[in-house]
Amino acid sequence: MNNLSKICQKSEWQNSEVHREYFKKKVSIFCRSLKQGKYTFNVNLIPRYNGKYTLNPAKAEMMYFPVFYGREGMKRIVIGSFVH
């Protein structure tokens, strides 16, 4: 079993999740339905370079009504032991 297969295991899905699509710069997660509230979705990333990075906000929107959406704030992360 390769790394991508381990990442894509359906047994880890939660929150009414029914499908995931992995792209080069994003992951699309589809859920049957979500009630109002806070949810956590885990997406494993494969770091390639050490350094400081900014993660763009996650965005959730309704499939047929994308004008209804929510998003979180930007996040800063450090990969490896980064020294100035």
PDB file of N, CA and C in Angstrom:
ATOM      1  N   MET A   1       0.850  -1.172   0.000  1.00  0.00           N
ATOM      2  CA  MET A   1       0.000   0.000   0.000  1.00  0.00           C
ATOM      3  C   MET A   1       0.900   1.240   0.000  1.00  0.00           C
ATOM      4  N   ASN A   2       0.750   2.139  -0.991  1.00  0.00           N
ATOM      5  CA  ASN A   2       1.589   3.334  -1.054  1.00  0.00           C
ATOM      6  C   ASN A   2       1.048   4.433  -0.133  1.00  0.00           C
ATOM      7  N   ASN A   3       1.806   5.534  -0.028  1.00  0.00           N
ATOM      8  CA  ASN A   3       1.425   6.617   0.884  1.00  0.00           C
ATOM      9  C   ASN A   3       0.077   7.222   0.539  1.00  0.00           C
ATOM     10  N   LEU A   4      -0.199   7.443  -0.758  1.00  0.00           N
ATOM     11  CA  LEU A   4      -1.460   8.046  -1.155  1.00  0.00           C
ATOM     12  C   LEU A   4      -2.636   7.144  -0.778  1.00  0.00           C
ATOM     13  N   SER A   5      -2.477   5.837  -0.920  1.00  0.00           N
ATOM     14  CA  SER A   5      -3.536   4.911  -0.536  1.00  0.00           C
ATOM     15  C   SER A   5      -3.814   4.990   0.959  1.00  0.00           C
ATOM     16  N   LYS A   6      -2.771   5.121   1.752  1.00  0.00           N
ATOM     17  CA  LYS A   6      -2.951   5.233   3.203  1.00  0.00           C
ATOM     18  C   LYS A   6      -3.688   6.518   3.554  1.00  0.00           C
ATOM     19  N   ILE A   7      -3.388   7.609   2.832  1.00  0.00           N
ATOM     20  CA  ILE A   7      -4.016   8.898   3.096  1.00  0.00           C
ATOM     21  C   ILE A   7      -5.499   8.862   2.733  1.00  0.00           C
ATOM     22  N   CYS A   8      -5.852   8.138   1.691  1.00  0.00           N
ATOM     23  CA  CYS A   8      -7.198   8.167   1.125  1.00  0.00           C
ATOM     24  C   CYS A   8      -8.149   7.116   1.699  1.00  0.00           C
ATOM     25  N   GLN A   9      -7.836   6.519   2.814  1.00  0.00           N
ATOM     26  CA  GLN A   9      -8.681   5.453   3.346  1.00  0.00           C
ATOM     27  C   GLN A   9     -10.022   6.013   3.814  1.00  0.00           C
ATOM     28  N   LYS A  10     -11.112   5.451   3.324  1.00  0.00           N
ATOM     29  CA  LYS A  10     -12.445   5.917   3.676  1.00  0.00           C
ATOM     30  C   LYS A  10     -12.759   5.728   5.155  1.00  0.00           C
ATOM     31  N   SER A  11     -12.134   4.765   5.814  1.00  0.00           N
ATOM     32  CA  SER A  11     -12.437   4.487   7.209  1.00  0.00           C
ATOM     33  C   SER A  11     -12.139   5.683   8.107  1.00  0.00           C
ATOM     34  N   GLU A  12     -11.314   6.623   7.642  1.00  0.00           N
ATOM     35  CA  GLU A  12     -10.965   7.794   8.436  1.00  0.00           C
ATOM     36  C   GLU A  12     -11.961   8.937   8.227  1.00  0.00           C
ATOM     37  N   TRP A  13     -12.897   8.833   7.300  1.00  0.00           N
ATOM     38  CA  TRP A  13     -13.831   9.908   6.997  1.00  0.00           C
ATOM     39  C   TRP A  13     -14.837  10.066   8.128  1.00  0.00           C
ATOM     40  N   GLN A  14     -15.237  11.308   8.361  1.00  0.00           N
ATOM     41  CA  GLN A  14     -16.200  11.636   9.409  1.00  0.00           C
ATOM     42  C   GLN A  14     -17.156  12.697   8.894  1.00  0.00           C
ATOM     43  N   ASN A  15     -18.065  13.159   9.723  1.00  0.00           N
ATOM     44  CA  ASN A  15     -18.929  14.312   9.428  1.00  0.00           C
ATOM     45  C   ASN A  15     -19.762  14.156   8.160  1.00  0.00           C
ATOM     46  N   SER A  16     -20.384  13.019   7.952  1.00  0.00           N
ATOM     47  CA  SER A  16     -21.234  12.759   6.777  1.00  0.00           C
ATOM     48  C   SER A  16     -20.474  12.842   5.463  1.00  0.00           C
ATOM     49  N   GLU A  17     -19.164  12.648   5.507  1.00  0.00           N
ATOM     50  CA  GLU A  17     -18.328  12.745   4.305  1.00  0.00           C
ATOM     51  C   GLU A  17     -18.614  11.579   3.361  1.00  0.00           C
ATOM     52  N   VAL A  18     -18.762  11.899   2.067  1.00  0.00           N
ATOM     53  CA  VAL A  18     -19.056  10.852   1.091  1.00  0.00           C
ATOM     54  C   VAL A  18     -18.019  10.743  -0.017  1.00  0.00           C
ATOM     55  N   HIS A  19     -17.191  11.785  -0.198  1.00  0.00           N
ATOM     56  CA  HIS A  19     -16.230  11.755  -1.299  1.00  0.00           C
ATOM     57  C   HIS A  19     -15.135  12.796  -1.077  1.00  0.00           C
ATOM     58  N   ARG A  20     -13.913  12.496  -1.556  1.00  0.00           N
ATOM     59  CA  ARG A  20     -12.800  13.448  -1.548  1.00  0.00           C
ATOM     60  C   ARG A  20     -12.151  13.475  -2.916  1.00  0.00           C
ATOM     61  N   GLU A  21     -11.732  14.655  -3.334  1.00  0.00           N
ATOM     62  CA  GLU A  21     -10.975  14.808  -4.577  1.00  0.00           C
ATOM     63  C   GLU A  21      -9.676  15.525  -4.246  1.00  0.00           C
ATOM     64  N   TYR A  22      -8.554  14.893  -4.587  1.00  0.00           N
ATOM     65  CA  TYR A  22      -7.236  15.449  -4.306  1.00  0.00           C
ATOM     66  C   TYR A  22      -6.672  16.102  -5.566  1.00  0.00           C
ATOM     67  N   PHE A  23      -6.349  17.382  -5.451  1.00  0.00           N
ATOM     68  CA  PHE A  23      -5.745  18.135  -6.531  1.00  0.00           C
ATOM     69  C   PHE A  23      -4.348  18.571  -6.108  1.00  0.00           C
ATOM     70  N   LYS A  24      -3.616  19.180  -7.017  1.00  0.00           N
ATOM     71  CA  LYS A  24      -2.253  19.612  -6.704  1.00  0.00           C
ATOM     72  C   LYS A  24      -2.219  20.656  -5.590  1.00  0.00           C
ATOM     73  N   LYS A  25      -3.163  21.594  -5.602  1.00  0.00           N
ATOM     74  CA  LYS A  25      -3.131  22.693  -4.635  1.00  0.00           C
ATOM     75  C   LYS A  25      -4.328  22.747  -3.706  1.00  0.00           C
ATOM     76  N   LYS A  26      -5.218  21.752  -3.752  1.00  0.00           N
ATOM     77  CA  LYS A  26      -6.368  21.761  -2.847  1.00  0.00           C
ATOM     78  C   LYS A  26      -6.966  20.373  -2.739  1.00  0.00           C
ATOM     79  N   VAL A  27      -7.796  20.197  -1.734  1.00  0.00           N
ATOM     80  CA  VAL A  27      -8.575  18.974  -1.552  1.00  0.00           C
ATOM     81  C   VAL A  27     -10.033  19.385  -1.444  1.00  0.00           C
ATOM     82  N   SER A  28     -10.906  18.773  -2.217  1.00  0.00           N
ATOM     83  CA  SER A  28     -12.339  19.027  -2.125  1.00  0.00           C
ATOM     84  C   SER A  28     -12.967  17.874  -1.360  1.00  0.00           C
ATOM     85  N   ILE A  29     -13.722  18.202  -0.321  1.00  0.00           N
ATOM     86  CA  ILE A  29     -14.386  17.205   0.518  1.00  0.00           C
ATOM     87  C   ILE A  29     -15.884  17.408   0.370  1.00  0.00           C
ATOM     88  N   PHE A  30     -16.603  16.349   0.047  1.00  0.00           N
ATOM     89  CA  PHE A  30     -18.047  16.417  -0.148  1.00  0.00           C
ATOM     90  C   PHE A  30     -18.743  15.694   0.999  1.00  0.00           C
ATOM     91  N   CYS A  31     -19.748  16.354   1.592  1.00  0.00           N
ATOM     92  CA  CYS A  31     -20.518  15.778   2.696  1.00  0.00           C
ATOM     93  C   CYS A  31     -21.984  15.730   2.302  1.00  0.00           C
ATOM     94  N   ARG A  32     -22.676  14.715   2.800  1.00  0.00           N
ATOM     95  CA  ARG A  32     -24.099  14.579   2.497  1.00  0.00           C
ATOM     96  C   ARG A  32     -24.876  15.762   3.065  1.00  0.00           C
ATOM     97  N   SER A  33     -24.640  16.108   4.318  1.00  0.00           N
ATOM     98  CA  SER A  33     -25.278  17.265   4.936  1.00  0.00           C
ATOM     99  C   SER A  33     -24.483  17.648   6.183  1.00  0.00           C
ATOM    100  N   LEU A  34     -24.469  18.931   6.482  1.00  0.00           N
ATOM    101  CA  LEU A  34     -23.803  19.437   7.684  1.00  0.00           C
ATOM    102  C   LEU A  34     -24.731  20.448   8.348  1.00  0.00           C
ATOM    103  N   LYS A  35     -24.995  20.225   9.611  1.00  0.00           N
ATOM    104  CA  LYS A  35     -25.768  21.202  10.370  1.00  0.00           C
ATOM    105  C   LYS A  35     -24.836  22.331  10.775  1.00  0.00           C
ATOM    106  N   GLN A  36     -25.401  23.450  11.160  1.00  0.00           N
ATOM    107  CA  GLN A  36     -24.601  24.594  11.590  1.00  0.00           C
ATOM    108  C   GLN A  36     -23.735  24.194  12.778  1.00  0.00           C
ATOM    109  N   GLY A  37     -22.480  24.616  12.773  1.00  0.00           N
ATOM    110  CA  GLY A  37     -21.571  24.293  13.864  1.00  0.00           C
ATOM    111  C   GLY A  37     -20.137  24.239  13.376  1.00  0.00           C
ATOM    112  N   LYS A  38     -19.257  23.743  14.237  1.00  0.00           N
ATOM    113  CA  LYS A  38     -17.841  23.623  13.896  1.00  0.00           C
ATOM    114  C   LYS A  38     -17.511  22.173  13.586  1.00  0.00           C
ATOM    115  N   TYR A  39     -16.707  21.963  12.556  1.00  0.00           N
ATOM    116  CA  TYR A  39     -16.298  20.634  12.132  1.00  0.00           C
ATOM    117  C   TYR A  39     -14.789  20.617  11.918  1.00  0.00           C
ATOM    118  N   THR A  40     -14.200  19.442  12.073  1.00  0.00           N
ATOM    119  CA  THR A  40     -12.772  19.268  11.825  1.00  0.00           C
ATOM    120  C   THR A  40     -12.587  18.207  10.759  1.00  0.00           C
ATOM    121  N   PHE A  41     -11.818  18.538   9.724  1.00  0.00           N
ATOM    122  CA  PHE A  41     -11.469  17.596   8.671  1.00  0.00           C
ATOM    123  C   PHE A  41      -9.957  17.512   8.623  1.00  0.00           C
ATOM    124  N   ASN A  42      -9.416  16.314   8.595  1.00  0.00           N
ATOM    125  CA  ASN A  42      -7.975  16.116   8.549  1.00  0.00           C
ATOM    126  C   ASN A  42      -7.533  15.796   7.128  1.00  0.00           C
ATOM    127  N   VAL A  43      -6.527  16.531   6.672  1.00  0.00           N
ATOM    128  CA  VAL A  43      -5.935  16.298   5.356  1.00  0.00           C
ATOM    129  C   VAL A  43      -4.434  16.168   5.581  1.00  0.00           C
ATOM    130  N   ASN A  44      -3.896  15.004   5.280  1.00  0.00           N
ATOM    131  CA  ASN A  44      -2.457  14.781   5.448  1.00  0.00           C
ATOM    132  C   ASN A  44      -1.696  15.456   4.313  1.00  0.00           C
ATOM    133  N   LEU A  45      -0.685  16.220   4.682  1.00  0.00           N
ATOM    134  CA  LEU A  45       0.154  16.898   3.691  1.00  0.00           C
ATOM    135  C   LEU A  45       1.517  16.239   3.657  1.00  0.00           C
ATOM    136  N   ILE A  46       2.155  16.255   2.513  1.00  0.00           N
ATOM    137  CA  ILE A  46       3.496  15.695   2.375  1.00  0.00           C
ATOM    138  C   ILE A  46       4.460  16.859   2.184  1.00  0.00           C
ATOM    139  N   PRO A  47       5.187  17.250   3.252  1.00  0.00           N
ATOM    140  CA  PRO A  47       6.107  18.386   3.121  1.00  0.00           C
ATOM    141  C   PRO A  47       7.297  18.032   2.242  1.00  0.00           C
ATOM    142  N   ARG A  48       7.724  18.984   1.420  1.00  0.00           N
ATOM    143  CA  ARG A  48       8.860  18.760   0.528  1.00  0.00           C
ATOM    144  C   ARG A  48      10.059  19.611   0.901  1.00  0.00           C
ATOM    145  N   TYR A  49       9.816  20.754   1.540  1.00  0.00           N
ATOM    146  CA  TYR A  49      10.905  21.671   1.873  1.00  0.00           C
ATOM    147  C   TYR A  49      10.715  22.203   3.290  1.00  0.00           C
ATOM    148  N   ASN A  50      11.809  22.379   4.020  1.00  0.00           N
ATOM    149  CA  ASN A  50      11.758  23.008   5.335  1.00  0.00           C
ATOM    150  C   ASN A  50      11.520  24.505   5.158  1.00  0.00           C
ATOM    151  N   GLY A  51      10.886  25.123   6.143  1.00  0.00           N
ATOM    152  CA  GLY A  51      10.690  26.565   6.097  1.00  0.00           C
ATOM    153  C   GLY A  51       9.410  26.988   6.776  1.00  0.00           C
ATOM    154  N   LYS A  52       9.120  28.284   6.683  1.00  0.00           N
ATOM    155  CA  LYS A  52       7.887  28.861   7.224  1.00  0.00           C
ATOM    156  C   LYS A  52       6.902  29.051   6.082  1.00  0.00           C
ATOM    157  N   TYR A  53       5.649  28.661   6.315  1.00  0.00           N
ATOM    158  CA  TYR A  53       4.633  28.731   5.270  1.00  0.00           C
ATOM    159  C   TYR A  53       3.336  29.302   5.814  1.00  0.00           C
ATOM    160  N   THR A  54       2.527  29.834   4.917  1.00  0.00           N
ATOM    161  CA  THR A  54       1.197  30.322   5.243  1.00  0.00           C
ATOM    162  C   THR A  54       0.182  29.417   4.558  1.00  0.00           C
ATOM    163  N   LEU A  55      -0.761  28.885   5.343  1.00  0.00           N
ATOM    164  CA  LEU A  55      -1.838  28.066   4.781  1.00  0.00           C
ATOM    165  C   LEU A  55      -3.044  28.958   4.518  1.00  0.00           C
ATOM    166  N   ASN A  56      -3.584  28.881   3.329  1.00  0.00           N
ATOM    167  CA  ASN A  56      -4.786  29.648   3.007  1.00  0.00           C
ATOM    168  C   ASN A  56      -5.965  29.122   3.810  1.00  0.00           C
ATOM    169  N   PRO A  57      -6.984  29.955   4.041  1.00  0.00           N
ATOM    170  CA  PRO A  57      -8.139  29.524   4.836  1.00  0.00           C
ATOM    171  C   PRO A  57      -8.919  28.407   4.158  1.00  0.00           C
ATOM    172  N   ALA A  58      -9.415  27.487   4.962  1.00  0.00           N
ATOM    173  CA  ALA A  58     -10.336  26.468   4.448  1.00  0.00           C
ATOM    174  C   ALA A  58     -11.675  27.144   4.201  1.00  0.00           C
ATOM    175  N   LYS A  59     -12.384  26.698   3.171  1.00  0.00           N
ATOM    176  CA  LYS A  59     -13.665  27.295   2.813  1.00  0.00           C
ATOM    177  C   LYS A  59     -14.696  26.194   2.652  1.00  0.00           C
ATOM    178  N   ALA A  60     -15.881  26.421   3.202  1.00  0.00           N
ATOM    179  CA  ALA A  60     -16.997  25.486   3.042  1.00  0.00           C
ATOM    180  C   ALA A  60     -18.132  26.229   2.344  1.00  0.00           C
ATOM    181  N   GLU A  61     -18.732  25.575   1.343  1.00  0.00           N
ATOM    182  CA  GLU A  61     -19.841  26.207   0.638  1.00  0.00           C
ATOM    183  C   GLU A  61     -20.859  25.151   0.230  1.00  0.00           C
ATOM    184  N   MET A  62     -22.083  25.580   0.025  1.00  0.00           N
ATOM    185  CA  MET A  62     -23.136  24.671  -0.432  1.00  0.00           C
ATOM    186  C   MET A  62     -22.922  24.390  -1.906  1.00  0.00           C
ATOM    187  N   MET A  63     -23.138  23.150  -2.304  1.00  0.00           N
ATOM    188  CA  MET A  63     -22.850  22.732  -3.674  1.00  0.00           C
ATOM    189  C   MET A  63     -23.650  23.520  -4.713  1.00  0.00           C
ATOM    190  N   TYR A  64     -24.940  23.672  -4.514  1.00  0.00           N
ATOM    191  CA  TYR A  64     -25.773  24.328  -5.517  1.00  0.00           C
ATOM    192  C   TYR A  64     -26.055  25.796  -5.193  1.00  0.00           C
ATOM    193  N   PHE A  65     -25.613  26.253  -4.029  1.00  0.00           N
ATOM    194  CA  PHE A  65     -25.781  27.649  -3.621  1.00  0.00           C
ATOM    195  C   PHE A  65     -24.461  28.160  -3.044  1.00  0.00           C
ATOM    196  N   PRO A  66     -23.432  28.371  -3.890  1.00  0.00           N
ATOM    197  CA  PRO A  66     -22.113  28.746  -3.375  1.00  0.00           C
ATOM    198  C   PRO A  66     -22.059  30.129  -2.734  1.00  0.00           C
ATOM    199  N   VAL A  67     -23.155  30.900  -2.810  1.00  0.00           N
ATOM    200  CA  VAL A  67     -23.155  32.201  -2.135  1.00  0.00           C
ATOM    201  C   VAL A  67     -23.263  32.032  -0.620  1.00  0.00           C
ATOM    202  N   PHE A  68     -23.683  30.846  -0.162  1.00  0.00           N
ATOM    203  CA  PHE A  68     -23.710  30.528   1.264  1.00  0.00           C
ATOM    204  C   PHE A  68     -22.425  29.788   1.596  1.00  0.00           C
ATOM    205  N   TYR A  69     -21.529  30.436   2.318  1.00  0.00           N
ATOM    206  CA  TYR A  69     -20.242  29.822   2.612  1.00  0.00           C
ATOM    207  C   TYR A  69     -19.702  30.314   3.959  1.00  0.00           C
ATOM    208  N   GLY A  70     -18.682  29.638   4.421  1.00  0.00           N
ATOM    209  CA  GLY A  70     -17.964  30.041   5.632  1.00  0.00           C
ATOM    210  C   GLY A  70     -16.501  29.699   5.437  1.00  0.00           C
ATOM    211  N   ARG A  71     -15.634  30.390   6.165  1.00  0.00           N
ATOM    212  CA  ARG A  71     -14.210  30.084   6.066  1.00  0.00           C
ATOM    213  C   ARG A  71     -13.520  30.416   7.378  1.00  0.00           C
ATOM    214  N   GLU A  72     -12.342  29.829   7.549  1.00  0.00           N
ATOM    215  CA  GLU A  72     -11.549  30.081   8.749  1.00  0.00           C
ATOM    216  C   GLU A  72     -10.468  31.095   8.423  1.00  0.00           C
ATOM    217  N   GLY A  73      -9.612  31.418   9.388  1.00  0.00           N
ATOM    218  CA  GLY A  73      -8.525  32.365   9.178  1.00  0.00           C
ATOM    219  C   GLY A  73      -7.302  31.702   8.573  1.00  0.00           C
ATOM    220  N   MET A  74      -6.350  32.532   8.159  1.00  0.00           N
ATOM    221  CA  MET A  74      -5.081  32.021   7.623  1.00  0.00           C
ATOM    222  C   MET A  74      -4.263  31.454   8.777  1.00  0.00           C
ATOM    223  N   LYS A  75      -3.399  30.492   8.475  1.00  0.00           N
ATOM    224  CA  LYS A  75      -2.562  29.860   9.500  1.00  0.00           C
ATOM    225  C   LYS A  75      -1.106  29.892   9.077  1.00  0.00           C
ATOM    226  N   ARG A  76      -0.202  29.998  10.045  1.00  0.00           N
ATOM    227  CA  ARG A  76       1.243  29.943   9.799  1.00  0.00           C
ATOM    228  C   ARG A  76       1.760  28.624  10.339  1.00  0.00           C
ATOM    229  N   ILE A  77       2.612  27.950   9.564  1.00  0.00           N
ATOM    230  CA  ILE A  77       3.197  26.688  10.007  1.00  0.00           C
ATOM    231  C   ILE A  77       4.698  26.702   9.749  1.00  0.00           C
ATOM    232  N   VAL A  78       5.420  25.849  10.477  1.00  0.00           N
ATOM    233  CA  VAL A  78       6.856  25.683  10.288  1.00  0.00           C
ATOM    234  C   VAL A  78       7.117  24.218   9.998  1.00  0.00           C
ATOM    235  N   ILE A  79       7.850  23.934   8.925  1.00  0.00           N
ATOM    236  CA  ILE A  79       8.223  22.571   8.545  1.00  0.00           C
ATOM    237  C   ILE A  79       9.702  22.395   8.883  1.00  0.00           C
ATOM    238  N   GLY A  80      10.005  21.354   9.649  1.00  0.00           N
ATOM    239  CA  GLY A  80      11.396  21.090  10.027  1.00  0.00           C
ATOM    240  C   GLY A  80      11.877  22.078  11.085  1.00  0.00           C
ATOM    241  N   SER A  81      13.153  22.023  11.386  1.00  0.00           N
ATOM    242  CA  SER A  81      13.729  22.973  12.338  1.00  0.00           C
ATOM    243  C   SER A  81      14.282  24.147  11.541  1.00  0.00           C
ATOM    244  N   PHE A  82      13.538  25.226  11.522  1.00  0.00           N
ATOM    245  CA  PHE A  82      13.875  26.386  10.709  1.00  0.00           C
ATOM    246  C   PHE A  82      14.594  27.410  11.577  1.00  0.00           C
ATOM    247  N   VAL A  83      15.789  27.824  11.171  1.00  0.00           N
ATOM    248  CA  VAL A  83      16.578  28.815  11.893  1.00  0.00           C
ATOM    249  C   VAL A  83      16.780  30.004  10.973  1.00  0.00           C
ATOM    250  N   HIS A  84      16.580  31.235  11.493  1.00  0.00           N
ATOM    251  CA  HIS A  84      16.755  32.441  10.667  1.00  0.00           C
ATOM    252  C   HIS A  84      18.164  32.558  10.176  1.00  0.00           C
TER     253      HIS A  84
END
